[in-house]
Protein backbone atom coordinates (compact mmCIF):
# COMPACT_ATOMS: atom_id res chain seq x y z
CA MET A 1 15.04 124.12 4.77
CA GLY A 2 13.32 122.98 1.67
CA VAL A 3 10.88 125.12 -0.23
CA GLU A 4 8.22 122.42 0.22
CA THR A 5 8.18 123.17 3.98
CA LEU A 6 7.69 126.90 3.52
CA HIS A 7 4.44 128.82 3.04
CA PRO A 8 4.10 130.06 -0.59
CA ALA A 9 4.25 133.60 0.59
CA ALA A 10 7.68 132.94 2.24
CA VAL A 11 8.96 131.31 -0.93
CA TRP A 12 7.93 134.37 -2.98
CA ALA A 13 9.48 136.69 -0.35
CA LEU A 14 12.80 134.89 -0.53
CA ALA A 15 12.64 134.90 -4.36
CA VAL A 16 12.04 138.62 -4.41
CA ALA A 17 14.82 139.26 -1.82
CA GLY A 18 17.24 137.24 -3.95
CA ALA A 19 16.25 139.30 -7.04
CA ILE A 20 16.82 142.56 -5.20
CA VAL A 21 20.29 141.62 -4.17
CA ILE A 22 21.25 140.45 -7.61
CA LEU A 23 19.77 143.51 -9.26
CA ALA A 24 21.72 145.65 -6.86
CA GLY A 25 24.87 143.86 -7.92
CA VAL A 26 24.05 144.64 -11.58
CA ARG A 27 23.43 148.29 -10.68
CA ALA A 28 26.73 148.41 -8.76
CA LEU A 29 28.77 147.54 -11.82
CA PRO A 30 27.66 150.15 -14.38
CA GLY A 31 31.16 150.65 -15.84
CA ARG A 32 31.88 146.94 -16.22
CA ARG A 33 29.34 145.87 -18.83
CA GLU A 34 31.43 142.89 -19.94
CA SER A 35 31.58 141.50 -16.38
CA VAL A 36 27.90 142.08 -15.83
CA ALA A 37 26.99 140.35 -19.16
CA LEU A 38 29.18 137.39 -18.37
CA LEU A 39 27.86 136.96 -14.86
CA VAL A 40 24.23 137.30 -15.94
CA SER A 41 24.68 134.90 -18.90
CA ALA A 42 26.40 132.30 -16.71
CA SER A 43 23.90 132.38 -13.86
CA VAL A 44 20.57 134.07 -14.42
CA VAL A 45 20.00 132.95 -17.98
CA PRO A 46 20.38 129.21 -17.31
CA LEU A 47 18.02 129.49 -14.29
CA ALA A 48 15.40 131.35 -16.33
CA LEU A 49 15.61 128.81 -19.15
CA ALA A 50 15.24 125.84 -16.81
CA PHE A 51 12.37 127.45 -14.98
CA GLY A 52 10.61 128.15 -18.28
CA VAL A 53 11.13 124.70 -19.77
CA SER A 54 10.02 123.00 -16.58
CA TYR A 55 6.53 124.28 -17.24
CA ALA A 56 6.34 122.00 -20.25
CA VAL A 57 8.76 119.21 -19.52
CA HIS A 58 9.96 118.08 -16.09
CA VAL A 59 13.69 118.51 -16.55
CA PHE A 60 14.70 120.61 -13.51
CA ALA A 61 16.95 119.30 -10.73
CA PRO A 62 18.86 121.82 -8.57
CA ARG A 63 22.18 119.97 -8.89
CA TYR A 64 22.10 120.40 -12.70
CA LEU A 65 22.46 124.13 -12.25
CA SER A 66 24.97 124.28 -9.47
CA PHE A 67 27.38 125.94 -11.85
CA ALA A 68 25.30 129.07 -11.72
CA VAL A 69 25.93 129.64 -8.05
CA PRO A 70 29.32 131.40 -8.32
CA GLY A 71 27.94 134.01 -10.73
CA LEU A 72 24.97 134.69 -8.48
CA ALA A 73 27.25 134.96 -5.42
CA LEU A 74 29.50 137.49 -7.21
CA LEU A 75 26.45 139.60 -8.27
CA ALA A 76 25.08 139.46 -4.76
CA ALA A 77 28.45 140.44 -3.24
CA ALA A 78 28.84 143.35 -5.66
CA GLY A 79 25.35 144.64 -4.58
CA VAL A 80 26.16 144.38 -0.86
CA ALA A 81 29.68 145.70 -1.12
CA ALA A 82 28.86 148.74 -3.25
CA PRO A 83 30.01 152.03 -1.70
CA GLU A 84 27.38 153.93 0.33
CA THR A 85 27.67 156.89 -1.97
CA ALA A 86 26.53 154.70 -4.90
CA ARG A 87 22.92 154.59 -3.79
CA PRO A 88 20.44 156.45 -1.56
CA ALA A 89 19.97 155.42 2.10
CA TRP A 90 16.52 153.83 1.56
CA LEU A 91 17.89 151.63 -1.21
CA ARG A 92 20.83 150.59 0.97
CA ALA A 93 18.31 149.56 3.64
CA VAL A 94 16.23 147.55 1.23
CA VAL A 95 19.27 145.70 -0.24
CA THR A 96 20.70 145.02 3.27
CA ALA A 97 17.35 143.62 4.49
CA ALA A 98 17.01 141.50 1.34
CA PHE A 99 20.59 140.17 1.81
CA VAL A 100 19.93 139.31 5.53
CA MET A 101 16.80 137.39 4.44
CA VAL A 102 18.68 135.34 1.88
CA LEU A 103 21.56 134.74 4.26
CA VAL A 104 19.29 133.56 7.14
CA ALA A 105 17.38 131.25 4.87
CA ASN A 106 20.58 129.63 3.48
CA ALA A 107 22.07 129.33 6.99
CA ALA A 108 18.93 127.66 8.28
CA SER A 109 18.81 125.34 5.33
CA LEU A 110 22.43 124.25 5.90
CA ALA A 111 21.89 123.79 9.64
CA ARG A 112 18.84 121.66 9.03
CA PHE A 113 20.65 119.47 6.48
CA TYR A 114 23.37 118.51 9.06
CA ARG A 115 20.91 118.20 11.93
CA GLN A 116 18.57 115.84 10.12
CA PRO A 117 20.70 113.02 8.58
CA ARG A 118 17.65 111.67 6.76
CA LEU A 119 18.03 114.48 4.31
CA ASP A 120 21.54 113.23 3.40
CA VAL A 121 20.16 110.48 1.19
CA PHE A 122 23.61 109.26 0.14
CA ASP A 123 25.68 109.16 3.29
CA TRP A 124 28.89 107.84 1.76
CA ARG A 125 30.84 108.31 4.96
CA ARG A 126 28.61 105.93 6.77
CA VAL A 127 28.66 103.55 3.86
CA SER A 128 32.49 103.58 3.83
CA GLN A 129 32.57 103.11 7.62
CA THR A 130 30.33 100.08 7.36
CA LEU A 131 32.57 98.53 4.65
CA ALA A 132 35.71 99.33 6.64
CA GLU A 133 34.32 97.54 9.71
CA ALA A 134 32.83 94.53 7.96
CA ALA A 135 34.88 93.88 4.89
CA ARG A 136 37.85 91.48 4.88
CA PRO A 137 41.15 92.18 3.09
CA ASP A 138 40.44 89.41 0.53
CA ASP A 139 36.83 90.58 -0.21
CA ALA A 140 35.76 92.08 -3.45
CA ILE A 141 33.48 95.08 -3.90
CA ALA A 142 31.38 95.66 -6.94
CA PHE A 143 29.79 99.08 -7.60
CA LEU A 144 26.63 99.22 -9.71
CA PRO A 145 26.25 101.86 -10.93
CA GLY A 146 30.00 102.47 -10.92
CA PHE A 147 30.03 106.13 -9.82
CA ALA A 148 29.52 104.83 -6.21
CA ARG A 149 33.12 103.76 -6.22
CA ILE A 150 34.32 107.34 -6.19
CA PRO A 151 32.95 108.50 -2.84
CA VAL A 152 33.71 105.16 -1.12
CA ASN A 153 37.35 105.33 -2.32
CA TYR A 154 37.52 108.85 -0.97
CA TYR A 155 36.52 107.78 2.51
CA PHE A 156 37.83 104.22 2.63
CA ARG A 157 41.01 103.01 0.92
CA GLY A 158 41.30 99.31 1.78
CA PRO A 159 43.06 96.40 0.02
CA GLN A 160 39.84 94.90 -1.32
CA LEU A 161 39.38 94.34 -5.03
CA ARG A 162 37.04 97.11 -6.28
CA LEU A 163 35.34 96.82 -9.63
CA ALA A 164 32.54 98.57 -11.59
CA LEU A 165 30.67 97.15 -14.59
CA ASP A 166 32.29 99.77 -16.79
CA PRO A 167 35.85 101.20 -16.33
CA ARG A 168 34.46 104.64 -16.95
CA ALA A 169 32.39 104.24 -13.77
CA LEU A 170 29.09 103.96 -15.71
CA ASP A 171 26.44 101.24 -15.85
CA ALA A 172 25.78 101.89 -19.51
CA GLU A 173 26.18 98.31 -20.94
CA GLY A 174 23.55 96.68 -18.82
CA PRO A 175 23.16 93.11 -17.57
CA THR A 176 23.87 91.44 -20.93
CA GLY A 177 26.86 93.56 -21.95
CA PRO A 178 30.18 91.87 -22.65
CA ARG A 179 31.78 93.29 -19.51
CA MET A 180 29.39 91.42 -17.16
CA GLY A 181 31.17 88.14 -17.87
CA LEU A 182 34.56 89.75 -17.13
CA LEU A 183 33.23 91.24 -13.85
CA VAL A 184 31.86 87.88 -12.68
CA THR A 185 35.06 86.08 -13.53
CA ALA A 186 37.13 88.53 -11.48
CA LEU A 187 34.78 88.64 -8.58
CA ALA A 188 34.57 84.86 -8.39
CA GLN A 189 38.25 84.71 -7.42
CA ARG A 190 37.27 86.04 -3.98
CA PRO A 191 35.46 84.22 -1.20
CA ARG A 192 33.11 87.10 -0.47
CA VAL A 193 31.68 89.81 -2.72
CA TRP A 194 30.00 93.08 -1.65
CA ILE A 195 27.63 94.86 -4.03
CA VAL A 196 27.11 98.61 -3.49
CA THR A 197 24.15 100.05 -5.32
CA VAL A 198 21.76 102.98 -5.17
CA PRO A 199 18.19 103.47 -6.46
CA PRO A 200 16.99 103.19 -9.10
CA VAL A 201 18.78 99.84 -8.84
CA PRO A 202 20.17 98.94 -12.26
CA PRO A 203 19.21 95.54 -13.77
CA SER A 204 22.88 94.64 -13.62
CA VAL A 205 22.60 93.98 -9.90
CA GLU A 206 20.06 91.19 -10.30
CA ALA A 207 22.05 89.74 -13.20
CA LEU A 208 25.26 89.82 -11.16
CA VAL A 209 23.62 88.12 -8.17
CA ALA A 210 22.27 85.41 -10.45
CA ALA A 211 25.63 84.93 -12.20
CA LEU A 212 27.44 84.60 -8.81
CA GLY A 213 24.72 82.31 -7.59
CA ARG A 214 25.52 79.86 -10.41
CA ARG A 215 29.08 79.89 -8.99
CA SER A 216 27.83 78.81 -5.52
CA TYR A 217 27.57 82.27 -3.96
CA GLY A 218 24.64 83.13 -1.75
CA VAL A 219 23.37 86.34 -0.17
CA THR A 220 24.21 86.42 3.57
CA ARG A 221 23.62 90.15 4.36
CA ARG A 222 21.50 93.03 3.15
CA GLN A 223 21.77 96.48 4.59
CA GLU A 224 20.55 99.96 3.75
CA VAL A 225 22.48 103.07 4.74
CA ASN A 226 20.04 105.84 3.99
CA MET A 227 19.43 105.20 0.26
CA VAL A 228 22.59 103.25 -0.36
CA ARG A 229 22.13 99.54 -0.46
CA LEU A 230 24.82 96.99 0.57
CA MET A 231 24.64 93.25 -0.22
CA LEU A 232 27.16 90.58 0.80
CA LEU A 233 27.50 87.27 -1.08
CA GLU A 234 29.56 84.45 0.26
CA ARG A 235 30.84 81.37 -1.58
CA GLY A 236 29.22 78.08 -0.38
CA ARG A 237 26.38 79.82 1.40
CA ARG A 238 23.58 79.01 -1.01
């Protein structure tokens, strides 16, 4: 469930419910000022700063602030688990209702994510399955940008040669960097080369295809798995 699919009133209601649960957690820990200060500093402050800065500069992406989730979860848990004697009955009812709202919204979002695969824009399990079924043992796989090698290696550990433009799994040096020549030389030892890339497609992909083309490789297959793009080049197929 993305916020773009909700009515603005529902978004505000969920935001208020979350704030109520978090404030209840802060209130439930009056004798642990150090813990409260640490949790608030590690979770609420980064979110507030990002929200404020985003009004001037578009810098916000949810994954950049994922580290704030544990602190928010601990504060929410403290608010919900506080002894009944620590607050009046009406306040317990408000906090419980707010917690149920947040819990239901998160559960619905998680269920929707797994029921609508189109939301999983980088389905690395399917990418790995495709490579496992189509790649030959003597193939080579080039990852541009190189971070794509990590999830593929997690799901599919085959005998293929696997290389990225940069050994640090980054595509920082670009198509004219000194490592491009080393990458082409290593890949050209194999009869078939797979290129795995994701948008925004780095310029290194075009440069690599051109360099392999000068060594008699041609593109024989193009496939998209959600947003991941696979390309197969074979020697002598120009």
